[in-house]
Amino acid sequence: MYGKPALGTVLPLAGMAAAPEAIPGLPLAKALQAIAGAGFVLYCLTACVLISIRIRMRRRIATKALPHPGDQGQI
């Protein structure tokens, strides 16, 4: 228990010793990870754009739709 390493700590190190080209599917996994990262950045950018458009539209509607109380009937 105290002198022996756990089984889970030894096995991942054995996988790291192999060359990355020898592991099947690793290039595909890296490509998918890059695509997913780019998709997430695009999603965040789209969300920021939509939120900023919404804020601008609310400000524009608020300034046009609500006249000041003392402005009615004055020229």
Protein backbone atom coordinates (compact mmCIF):
# COMPACT_ATOMS: atom_id res chain seq x y z
CA MET A 1 0.00 0.00 0.00
CA TYR A 2 2.66 2.55 0.97
CA GLY A 3 5.57 1.23 -1.10
CA LYS A 4 3.74 0.19 -4.28
CA PRO A 5 2.30 2.64 -6.82
CA ALA A 6 -1.34 2.30 -7.74
CA LEU A 7 -2.15 0.52 -10.97
CA GLY A 8 -3.72 3.61 -12.55
CA THR A 9 -0.58 5.68 -12.11
CA VAL A 10 1.65 3.23 -13.97
CA LEU A 11 -0.46 2.43 -17.05
CA PRO A 12 -0.86 5.96 -18.46
CA LEU A 13 2.92 6.37 -18.41
CA ALA A 14 3.28 3.29 -20.60
CA GLY A 15 1.02 4.91 -23.22
CA MET A 16 3.10 8.07 -23.23
CA ALA A 17 6.20 6.10 -24.18
CA ALA A 18 4.68 5.14 -27.55
CA ALA A 19 5.23 7.39 -30.55
CA PRO A 20 2.19 9.55 -31.35
CA GLU A 21 2.14 8.23 -34.92
CA ALA A 22 1.83 4.67 -33.63
CA ILE A 23 -1.40 5.36 -31.78
CA PRO A 24 -4.30 4.83 -34.19
CA GLY A 25 -6.78 7.68 -34.46
CA LEU A 26 -4.59 10.29 -32.80
CA PRO A 27 -4.27 12.55 -35.88
CA LEU A 28 -8.05 12.37 -36.35
CA ALA A 29 -8.61 13.20 -32.69
CA LYS A 30 -6.29 16.20 -32.92
CA ALA A 31 -8.08 17.45 -36.05
CA LEU A 32 -11.48 17.04 -34.40
CA GLN A 33 -10.25 18.88 -31.33
CA ALA A 34 -9.02 21.78 -33.48
CA ILE A 35 -12.35 21.94 -35.33
CA ALA A 36 -14.25 21.86 -32.05
CA GLY A 37 -12.10 24.68 -30.68
CA ALA A 38 -12.72 26.81 -33.77
CA GLY A 39 -16.44 26.08 -33.54
CA PHE A 40 -16.51 27.15 -29.91
CA VAL A 41 -14.74 30.42 -30.74
CA LEU A 42 -17.24 31.04 -33.55
CA TYR A 43 -20.12 30.30 -31.16
CA CYS A 44 -18.78 32.76 -28.57
CA LEU A 45 -18.24 35.43 -31.23
CA THR A 46 -21.78 34.97 -32.54
CA ALA A 47 -23.21 35.18 -29.03
CA CYS A 48 -21.30 38.41 -28.32
CA VAL A 49 -22.50 39.95 -31.60
CA LEU A 50 -26.12 39.02 -30.91
CA ILE A 51 -25.95 40.36 -27.35
CA SER A 52 -24.44 43.65 -28.53
CA ILE A 53 -27.13 44.01 -31.23
CA ARG A 54 -29.82 43.36 -28.64
CA ILE A 55 -28.38 45.98 -26.28
CA ARG A 56 -28.17 48.57 -29.08
CA MET A 57 -31.74 47.89 -30.18
CA ARG A 58 -33.04 48.22 -26.63
CA ARG A 59 -31.23 51.54 -26.18
CA ARG A 60 -32.57 52.85 -29.49
CA ILE A 61 -36.15 51.79 -28.70
CA ALA A 62 -35.90 53.21 -25.19
CA THR A 63 -34.79 56.62 -26.43
CA LYS A 64 -37.39 56.84 -29.24
CA ALA A 65 -40.42 55.30 -27.56
CA LEU A 66 -40.36 57.13 -24.24
CA PRO A 67 -40.54 60.91 -24.62
CA HIS A 68 -39.79 63.12 -21.65
CA PRO A 69 -42.88 63.93 -19.54
CA GLY A 70 -42.68 67.71 -20.04
CA ASP A 71 -42.20 67.62 -23.82
CA GLN A 72 -45.85 67.08 -24.82
CA GLY A 73 -47.54 70.07 -26.46
CA GLN A 74 -44.46 72.28 -26.55
CA ILE A 75 -42.99 73.62 -29.75
